[in-house]
Amino acid sequence: MPNYLKKINNLFHKNYELKQELYLLQETYFDQQLKPKYGRVGNPNVNLEDDCALRAFTIEMANYIAPSFWKSKWTALSESAFQMDECNETKYRTYQSSHVHKSIKTAQETKKQICYHTVYVHNAIGHDLYKGTFEKPMKTIPAALTFIRTLRAVYGNNLTLCIIIREGTYYLGATSTTTSSKIGAIALTSDDNNLVIENYQNERVVLSGGILLQLEWSVHAKTTNSGVIMKAQIPSDVKLDQFNELHIDGKRAIVAKYPNGDPSTQGLYAKDPGFTYNVEKWLPPIYNPSVEIHLQEPYRNGTEFPNYQLGIGGGASVFDPPTNFWSTASPPAGDNYVVPRGFTVKNDALPHLHNWSEPTSGFVHTFHSGYWGGWIFEIASINSTENTIMFGQGGFQEARGSDSGGAFYVANIFEELDSPNEWFLDKETRTLYFMPNQTMPEVFVASQISCLISVSGSSIENSVNNITIQGLILTETSHTYMKDFMVPSGGDWSVHRGGTIYLTNTKQISITHNIFTQLGSNGIALIDYNHLTSITLNEFVWLADSAIILVGSTNGIDGFSVASQPVNILIQSNLIHETGIYVKQSSPVLIAVSRSISVIGNLMFNIPRAAVNINDGFYGNHTLSWNVMFNTVRETSDHGAINTWDRQPYLSDAVQSGLPSLWQHGSYIHHNTIFNNYNALWPIDHDDGSCFYEDSYNFLMYGGKKNYLGHSKKDHHQIYVYSDAGTDDFGSNTCLDYYAPRRGYSGWNEVYIENTCILY
């Protein structure tokens, strides 16, 4: 057992009230020892032949769960992400299908619905005064939606009408009248039931959140390294306050930053991370006490986390609403939420700091001290003599807080524009600066909106029903990391409740066969009441934040009389990778205050934190099955591919319909394949207080089972492979991590039977 764990163990047995010292000790340990370093895909403690065999098996399972039309793509992407060229000298240098088993049943192909009336859209030849026939299509999608609404007077609300979009790129950001991340350029309401929005046959339809820039370039300056900085005036119809992402030939460009590096392809997992650790000291926070709510009743017996608590205002005022589980004087399992006021860097850590002409245009992207997430701050001021940067707004992109941070980079500073593909926008003069590589690219798109499609009912009773969104490419949206974030429950997360597709108060929404790429926000946001949503056969890639977030709400502890949660949601056969480019406390799937969520048969990899995060113990009855996950926890620490928490009790009728209880329905994690690498410690991380899970028939590499302060979990028929072959910053090194210091509060009703743990 590492020395830090021995000390933790002694602290608990000596005096449980010393838990604050425990968590400070843990945080110090993670800051000093477990900060993510460049990590290889494979396990350095295992013979390459054996490690490559496990990689090849994981790729085989990815192929096994892949839909038939996607098998070659899922296999090729997995081989690349696993760096299988390292295995060239082994017999596992390429994936070879065994053809022994048939593929599992994947999400069903959505059949083209029978449209009672169809309105066609084609921006190349259409006109919004046309009637939307195939020969005379309309030009814009919002106009087609308006026309569909007029047809409802003729056809009624019960017949399915369709908007069919012909090939082309539709720059929704050029004409949208809203910049909200919860109202789309295409905004469906309770009056838009029974509607299909899809591409025509297999044509390529792109919905862009940007505006195509028509620019006249000239040379601004030549650089010392034989480069050149170009400049151009931004047209007057571009909204500068929303222009925070530049896309060039379909890819996100790099806002001028130091250290140099592309956040999309470089991070703490890379040899050249594009971050620096050169902080001399962090400036201590100012504590701002919140009004505290502590409910003594109802009381959840037999747990380390028995009472509902919440902080309102004070330090929690940075969130919207201004509440936080962590904003109390002594939250269980941690400290009061605070963030540092700034930092002083080491000499020459920022070599251009003395030359910054407009430092307040800049941002600091930094990690939490324990690498449990990250923060982004506006720069309020600098003192170049003392190498000090003071923070302005920000630090709300995770919920726990800390008085210090970790690795960082600065961005959006003109004087840092010194590397190919970097850009800077001078909003005062409306001048765009750009440094090309060899030749100038052709297509420049400025982001203008973050939400492309919203489906929003006016209430639960008046929800939007039966909408299908299919066959679209959604891209080039504004980033939202400085917009409002909220703390949904007692996990570590805060979350921006917005998305490229935003759903609230809906029933039977199908989102299928779409590509979500190069996005500044979450891919799909299911907020509050959403029933029977199906998210299938989509690809999510190059996202600034999470792919799919499910975030409900309660009336304080009362989730029994409040139905404002996602319920009976299916997330199946999706390909999710390269997410969390800016927001590090992010995941392909977040489940918070939600009921009966099924995550089945998805491939998830190249992620800064967990692949699936269950933020609380509300209701339960979730199923995670037949997923393949690897290359997770690449930039953070103390986590696993699947992570769960249960610190905040809620009333619901999960145990017995119609009867309120503080206990939840059991959840099921089975038949998943998890290759534990980079900084992942446990494949399935049942963290603080997690209870009522049944884990079975999972194939788990390089990590064992974990129970931390929880109870009532059953672990059976699992295969743990080489769980002892980790290091201090990788793998659990045990078959079973079992931590329950107080009898009767945790550790009871834990079952661990019929498992196989193979030691290296």
Foldseek 3Di string as FASTA:
>chain_A
DDPLVVVLQVVCQVDVVCLAVNLVSLLVCLLVPQFFAAFAQFFPLDDPQVRLVLLLVLLLLLLQLFDPVCNVVSSVVSCVQSVLCVVPVYPNSGHDHPPPDHRDDFDDDDDDDDAPEEAEEEQVQEDLVDLRDPVHHHRDDQSVVVSVLVCCVVVPQPGAHEYEYEADEDALLLDAPDFDLFAASAEAELSHARYEYAYDDQHAYAYALWDWWDWDKDWDDADPVRFTKIKTFTDPSADPVQQPWKAFPRATFAAQKPPDDDLLPADSNDPCRRWDFFFPDFAFWDFWAFDKDWDPPPFDFLAPFTIFMKGADTVQVLFVVSIAQQRHCDRPNAHRATATFWTAGDPPSPVCVVVQPCQQQKKKWFAASSQLWTKIFGFPDADVVRRITGTDRMPQQWGNHDRDTGIIMMGQTVVSQDDARYWHADPVRNMIMHIHDPDDTDIMIGRRHQAHYEQEYPDLVSHHEDYEYANHEYEHHGACRRPHWHHQDPFGGIFDQGANYEYFNYEQYEYEHYEYAHHRHEHYGYEWEYEAYEYEHYEYAHYQAEHYEWGHHAPRQEPAVGRGGYENYEAINYEYESYNSRIQNHENYEAGLHYQYEHASYEYAHHLAANYEDGAQHAANYEYASYRYRNHNQRGADHANYEYEHNRFHWHCSPHPPDTDRHHEAYEYEHYEYAWTRQHAANHHDEYARARYEYAHYEAEQEAAEDYSYAHYAYAHYEYEQQLSHDPRTHNNDNYHYDHSDPSHHDYNYHYDHYHHHHD
